[in-house]
């Protein structure tokens, strides 16, 4: 469990540093995709569907929405 915590921490730090040099539109696209994937997976898990399919569909929809919102 301790090892998983380290892996998640390093991945989060890398994602935060990697987003620092992106344009606002790209940041919104990536952020929307991440939120959409999480929401899609959560909704699929609650409704009894396939979590991976929900994450893929939610990530795609969130990425598109984030790109449209981008400035």
C-alpha atoms as a PDB file:
ATOM      1  CA  UNK A   1       0.000   0.000   0.000  1.00  0.00           C
ATOM      2  CA  UNK A   2       2.884   2.322   0.761  1.00  0.00           C
ATOM      3  CA  UNK A   3       4.362   1.689  -2.672  1.00  0.00           C
ATOM      4  CA  UNK A   4       1.050   2.551  -4.364  1.00  0.00           C
ATOM      5  CA  UNK A   5       0.981   5.849  -2.476  1.00  0.00           C
ATOM      6  CA  UNK A   6       4.427   6.730  -3.792  1.00  0.00           C
ATOM      7  CA  UNK A   7       3.473   5.826  -7.344  1.00  0.00           C
ATOM      8  CA  UNK A   8       0.322   7.961  -7.198  1.00  0.00           C
ATOM      9  CA  UNK A   9       2.250  10.870  -5.655  1.00  0.00           C
ATOM     10  CA  UNK A  10       4.942  10.800  -8.324  1.00  0.00           C
ATOM     11  CA  UNK A  11       2.373  10.517 -11.119  1.00  0.00           C
ATOM     12  CA  UNK A  12       0.418  13.470  -9.724  1.00  0.00           C
ATOM     13  CA  UNK A  13       3.546  15.587  -9.421  1.00  0.00           C
ATOM     14  CA  UNK A  14       4.589  14.733 -12.974  1.00  0.00           C
ATOM     15  CA  UNK A  15       1.152  15.649 -14.290  1.00  0.00           C
ATOM     16  CA  UNK A  16       1.193  18.994 -12.482  1.00  0.00           C
ATOM     17  CA  UNK A  17       4.655  19.891 -13.749  1.00  0.00           C
ATOM     18  CA  UNK A  18       3.824  18.707 -17.272  1.00  0.00           C
ATOM     19  CA  UNK A  19       0.790  20.990 -17.482  1.00  0.00           C
ATOM     20  CA  UNK A  20       2.721  24.134 -16.550  1.00  0.00           C
ATOM     21  CA  UNK A  21       3.954  24.785 -20.097  1.00  0.00           C
ATOM     22  CA  UNK A  22       0.638  24.137 -21.890  1.00  0.00           C
ATOM     23  CA  UNK A  23      -1.612  26.708 -23.485  1.00  0.00           C
ATOM     24  CA  UNK A  24      -4.901  27.416 -21.689  1.00  0.00           C
ATOM     25  CA  UNK A  25      -6.833  25.523 -24.375  1.00  0.00           C
ATOM     26  CA  UNK A  26      -4.631  22.444 -23.972  1.00  0.00           C
ATOM     27  CA  UNK A  27      -4.921  22.618 -20.182  1.00  0.00           C
ATOM     28  CA  UNK A  28      -8.710  22.768 -20.444  1.00  0.00           C
ATOM     29  CA  UNK A  29      -8.741  19.833 -22.863  1.00  0.00           C
ATOM     30  CA  UNK A  30      -6.582  17.651 -20.610  1.00  0.00           C
ATOM     31  CA  UNK A  31      -8.465  18.688 -17.482  1.00  0.00           C
ATOM     32  CA  UNK A  32     -11.824  18.044 -19.107  1.00  0.00           C
ATOM     33  CA  UNK A  33     -10.686  14.636 -20.302  1.00  0.00           C
ATOM     34  CA  UNK A  34      -9.454  13.705 -16.821  1.00  0.00           C
ATOM     35  CA  UNK A  35     -12.645  14.836 -15.110  1.00  0.00           C
ATOM     36  CA  UNK A  36     -14.787  13.192 -17.766  1.00  0.00           C
ATOM     37  CA  UNK A  37     -12.942   9.898 -17.446  1.00  0.00           C
ATOM     38  CA  UNK A  38     -13.375   9.910 -13.685  1.00  0.00           C
ATOM     39  CA  UNK A  39     -17.042  10.808 -13.910  1.00  0.00           C
ATOM     40  CA  UNK A  40     -17.680   8.254 -16.641  1.00  0.00           C
ATOM     41  CA  UNK A  41     -16.002   5.503 -14.653  1.00  0.00           C
ATOM     42  CA  UNK A  42     -17.932   6.456 -11.535  1.00  0.00           C
ATOM     43  CA  UNK A  43     -21.279   6.529 -13.291  1.00  0.00           C
ATOM     44  CA  UNK A  44     -20.565   3.207 -14.985  1.00  0.00           C
ATOM     45  CA  UNK A  45     -19.591   1.639 -11.654  1.00  0.00           C
ATOM     46  CA  UNK A  46     -22.763   2.868  -9.976  1.00  0.00           C
ATOM     47  CA  UNK A  47     -25.031   1.771 -12.816  1.00  0.00           C
ATOM     48  CA  UNK A  48     -23.384  -1.633 -13.167  1.00  0.00           C
ATOM     49  CA  UNK A  49     -21.775  -1.013 -16.558  1.00  0.00           C
ATOM     50  CA  UNK A  50     -18.224  -1.563 -17.706  1.00  0.00           C
ATOM     51  CA  UNK A  51     -15.978   0.922 -15.886  1.00  0.00           C
ATOM     52  CA  UNK A  52     -13.367   1.104 -18.665  1.00  0.00           C
ATOM     53  CA  UNK A  53     -15.966   1.845 -21.307  1.00  0.00           C
ATOM     54  CA  UNK A  54     -17.448   4.567 -19.106  1.00  0.00           C
ATOM     55  CA  UNK A  55     -14.013   6.079 -18.579  1.00  0.00           C
ATOM     56  CA  UNK A  56     -13.246   6.107 -22.303  1.00  0.00           C
ATOM     57  CA  UNK A  57     -16.564   7.662 -23.264  1.00  0.00           C
ATOM     58  CA  UNK A  58     -16.426  10.175 -20.401  1.00  0.00           C
ATOM     59  CA  UNK A  59     -12.838  11.098 -21.213  1.00  0.00           C
ATOM     60  CA  UNK A  60     -13.658  11.715 -24.852  1.00  0.00           C
ATOM     61  CA  UNK A  61     -16.695  13.837 -24.000  1.00  0.00           C
ATOM     62  CA  UNK A  62     -14.773  15.774 -21.336  1.00  0.00           C
ATOM     63  CA  UNK A  63     -11.864  16.397 -23.679  1.00  0.00           C
ATOM     64  CA  UNK A  64     -14.171  17.802 -26.347  1.00  0.00           C
ATOM     65  CA  UNK A  65     -15.995  19.981 -23.806  1.00  0.00           C
ATOM     66  CA  UNK A  66     -12.694  21.259 -22.397  1.00  0.00           C
ATOM     67  CA  UNK A  67     -11.398  22.061 -25.874  1.00  0.00           C
ATOM     68  CA  UNK A  68     -14.551  23.975 -26.741  1.00  0.00           C
ATOM     69  CA  UNK A  69     -14.284  25.931 -23.487  1.00  0.00           C
ATOM     70  CA  UNK A  70     -10.571  26.692 -24.069  1.00  0.00           C
ATOM     71  CA  UNK A  71      -9.514  30.271 -24.678  1.00  0.00           C
END
